[in-house]
C-alpha atoms as a PDB file:
ATOM      1  CA  MET A   1     -11.093   0.010   8.872  1.00  0.00           C
ATOM      2  CA  SER A   2     -11.139  -1.604  12.174  1.00  0.00           C
ATOM      3  CA  ALA A   3     -10.439   1.013  14.833  1.00  0.00           C
ATOM      4  CA  ASP A   4      -7.713  -0.489  16.671  1.00  0.00           C
ATOM      5  CA  ILE A   5      -5.288  -0.970  13.105  1.00  0.00           C
ATOM      6  CA  TYR A   6      -6.516   2.837  12.582  1.00  0.00           C
ATOM      7  CA  GLN A   7      -5.679   3.876  16.011  1.00  0.00           C
ATOM      8  CA  ASN A   8      -2.320   2.059  16.405  1.00  0.00           C
ATOM      9  CA  GLY A   9      -1.037   2.632  12.642  1.00  0.00           C
ATOM     10  CA  ILE A  10       1.757   4.659  11.834  1.00  0.00           C
ATOM     11  CA  CYS A  11      -0.681   7.036   9.205  1.00  0.00           C
ATOM     12  CA  SER A  12      -3.000   8.139  12.180  1.00  0.00           C
ATOM     13  CA  ARG A  13      -0.116   9.791  13.877  1.00  0.00           C
ATOM     14  CA  SER A  14       1.689  10.930  11.031  1.00  0.00           C
ATOM     15  CA  GLY A  15      -1.107  13.813   9.969  1.00  0.00           C
ATOM     16  CA  ARG A  16      -0.092  12.911   5.889  1.00  0.00           C
ATOM     17  CA  HIS A  17      -3.391  11.451   5.423  1.00  0.00           C
ATOM     18  CA  ASP A  18      -3.327  13.006   2.092  1.00  0.00           C
ATOM     19  CA  LEU A  19       0.023  10.737   0.858  1.00  0.00           C
ATOM     20  CA  PHE A  20      -1.633   7.964   1.680  1.00  0.00           C
ATOM     21  CA  PHE A  21      -4.575   8.822  -1.610  1.00  0.00           C
ATOM     22  CA  SER A  22      -2.277  10.734  -3.304  1.00  0.00           C
ATOM     23  CA  ASP A  23      -2.101   9.808  -7.291  1.00  0.00           C
ATOM     24  CA  ARG A  24       1.782  11.168  -7.476  1.00  0.00           C
ATOM     25  CA  PRO A  25       4.094   8.326  -7.089  1.00  0.00           C
ATOM     26  CA  GLU A  26       7.345  10.240  -5.316  1.00  0.00           C
ATOM     27  CA  GLU A  27       3.803  10.630  -2.185  1.00  0.00           C
ATOM     28  CA  LEU A  28       3.176   6.602  -2.996  1.00  0.00           C
ATOM     29  CA  ALA A  29       6.419   5.542  -2.057  1.00  0.00           C
ATOM     30  CA  LEU A  30       6.708   7.874   1.133  1.00  0.00           C
ATOM     31  CA  ALA A  31       3.037   6.584   2.483  1.00  0.00           C
ATOM     32  CA  GLN A  32       5.290   2.434   1.341  1.00  0.00           C
ATOM     33  CA  ALA A  33       8.103   3.647   3.384  1.00  0.00           C
ATOM     34  CA  MET A  34       6.111   5.065   6.787  1.00  0.00           C
ATOM     35  CA  CYS A  35       4.200   1.599   6.642  1.00  0.00           C
ATOM     36  CA  ALA A  36       7.278  -0.702   6.454  1.00  0.00           C
ATOM     37  CA  ARG A  37       8.510   0.632  10.126  1.00  0.00           C
ATOM     38  CA  CYS A  38       4.529   0.140  10.832  1.00  0.00           C
ATOM     39  CA  PRO A  39       3.136  -2.204  13.682  1.00  0.00           C
ATOM     40  CA  VAL A  40      -0.416  -3.135  12.335  1.00  0.00           C
ATOM     41  CA  GLN A  41       0.911  -3.333   8.730  1.00  0.00           C
ATOM     42  CA  ARG A  42       0.023  -7.065   7.930  1.00  0.00           C
ATOM     43  CA  GLU A  43      -2.990  -6.651   9.972  1.00  0.00           C
ATOM     44  CA  CYS A  44      -3.436  -3.147   7.585  1.00  0.00           C
ATOM     45  CA  LEU A  45      -3.295  -5.398   4.590  1.00  0.00           C
ATOM     46  CA  ARG A  46      -5.599  -8.206   5.453  1.00  0.00           C
ATOM     47  CA  LEU A  47      -8.398  -5.864   6.613  1.00  0.00           C
ATOM     48  CA  ALA A  48      -7.793  -4.295   2.731  1.00  0.00           C
ATOM     49  CA  LEU A  49      -7.562  -7.036   0.924  1.00  0.00           C
ATOM     50  CA  ASP A  50     -10.688  -8.599   3.103  1.00  0.00           C
ATOM     51  CA  GLN A  51     -12.938  -5.281   2.121  1.00  0.00           C
ATOM     52  CA  GLU A  52     -11.366  -4.900  -1.022  1.00  0.00           C
ATOM     53  CA  MET A  53     -10.260  -1.477  -0.636  1.00  0.00           C
ATOM     54  CA  GLU A  54     -10.723   0.548  -4.265  1.00  0.00           C
ATOM     55  CA  TRP A  55      -7.518   3.301  -3.497  1.00  0.00           C
ATOM     56  CA  GLY A  56      -4.971   4.220  -1.440  1.00  0.00           C
ATOM     57  CA  VAL A  57      -1.616   2.932   0.279  1.00  0.00           C
ATOM     58  CA  TRP A  58      -2.865   0.005   2.832  1.00  0.00           C
ATOM     59  CA  GLY A  59      -0.523  -2.292   4.810  1.00  0.00           C
ATOM     60  CA  GLY A  60       2.595  -1.262   2.240  1.00  0.00           C
ATOM     61  CA  VAL A  61       0.743  -2.158  -0.866  1.00  0.00           C
ATOM     62  CA  ILE A  62      -0.822  -0.049  -3.408  1.00  0.00           C
ATOM     63  CA  PHE A  63      -4.296   0.060  -4.452  1.00  0.00           C
ATOM     64  CA  TRP A  64      -5.337   1.424  -7.619  1.00  0.00           C
ATOM     65  CA  ASP A  65      -8.480   1.615  -9.357  1.00  0.00           C
ATOM     66  CA  GLY A  66      -9.081  -1.754  -7.185  1.00  0.00           C
ATOM     67  CA  GLN A  67      -5.494  -3.196  -8.752  1.00  0.00           C
ATOM     68  CA  PRO A  68      -2.756  -4.064  -5.764  1.00  0.00           C
ATOM     69  CA  LEU A  69       0.275  -2.593  -7.173  1.00  0.00           C
ATOM     70  CA  TYR A  70       4.254  -2.816  -5.463  1.00  0.00           C
ATOM     71  CA  ARG A  71       4.739   0.389  -6.579  1.00  0.00           C
ATOM     72  CA  LYS A  72       3.242   3.193  -9.215  1.00  0.00           C
ATOM     73  CA  ARG A  73       5.586   4.541 -11.790  1.00  0.00           C
ATOM     74  CA  ALA A  74       5.813   8.219 -12.855  1.00  0.00           C
ATOM     75  CA  ARG A  75       4.663   9.004 -16.475  1.00  0.00           C
ATOM     76  CA  GLY A  76       7.367   8.822 -19.329  1.00  0.00           C
ATOM     77  CA  ARG A  77      10.510   6.233 -19.504  1.00  0.00           C
ATOM     78  CA  PRO A  78      11.096   3.667 -16.384  1.00  0.00           C
ATOM     79  CA  SER A  79      14.906   3.750 -15.278  1.00  0.00           C
ATOM     80  CA  ARG A  80      17.777   1.341 -15.667  1.00  0.00           C
ATOM     81  CA  ALA A  81      17.051  -0.207 -12.983  1.00  0.00           C
ATOM     82  CA  ASP A  82      13.111   0.585 -12.470  1.00  0.00           C
ATOM     83  CA  ARG A  83      12.483  -1.800 -15.802  1.00  0.00           C
ATOM     84  CA  GLU A  84      13.107  -4.727 -13.976  1.00  0.00           C
ATOM     85  CA  LEU A  85      10.818  -4.377 -11.024  1.00  0.00           C
ATOM     86  CA  PRO A  86       7.346  -5.793 -10.592  1.00  0.00           C
ATOM     87  CA  LEU A  87       4.452  -3.359 -10.699  1.00  0.00           C
ATOM     88  CA  ARG A  88       1.991  -5.535 -10.532  1.00  0.00           C
ATOM     89  CA  ALA A  89       0.684  -7.518  -6.618  1.00  0.00           C
ATOM     90  CA  SER A  90      -1.089 -10.857  -7.264  1.00  0.00           C
ATOM     91  CA  VAL A  91      -4.140 -10.261  -4.796  1.00  0.00           C
ATOM     92  CA  ALA A  92      -3.210 -14.676  -4.140  1.00  0.00           C
ATOM     93  CA  GLU A  93       0.341 -13.748  -2.915  1.00  0.00           C
ATOM     94  CA  LEU A  94      -0.788 -10.902  -0.613  1.00  0.00           C
ATOM     95  CA  ARG A  95      -3.709 -13.350   0.621  1.00  0.00           C
ATOM     96  CA  GLU A  96      -1.216 -15.961   1.570  1.00  0.00           C
ATOM     97  CA  LEU A  97       1.361 -13.304   2.689  1.00  0.00           C
ATOM     98  CA  VAL A  98      -0.871 -12.238   5.814  1.00  0.00           C
ATOM     99  CA  GLY A  99      -2.261 -15.571   6.351  1.00  0.00           C
ATOM    100  CA  ALA A 100      -6.016 -14.543   4.976  1.00  0.00           C
ATOM    101  CA  PRO A 101      -8.191 -17.297   3.256  1.00  0.00           C
END
């Protein structure tokens, strides 16, 4: 990660780096909530897309085995409220969002 982005990100000041690389959906959601308040969120996501990150929460998006996800579901049947929410993110849409080619 670029030093400027990392140093200015909430993730570097949080002391909770484990949340950003967890396999637990509730911890990933906490990391995403931190990203939502981060001043370098868009730059972080752009960097993750450019470097084709495999794992972790980058710019509020979960990268799981190279696939961007809006959220990671827990095991079992999803709640009624969660059933309609999208899981997978489109790389093309994310690139458009951050203004990357």
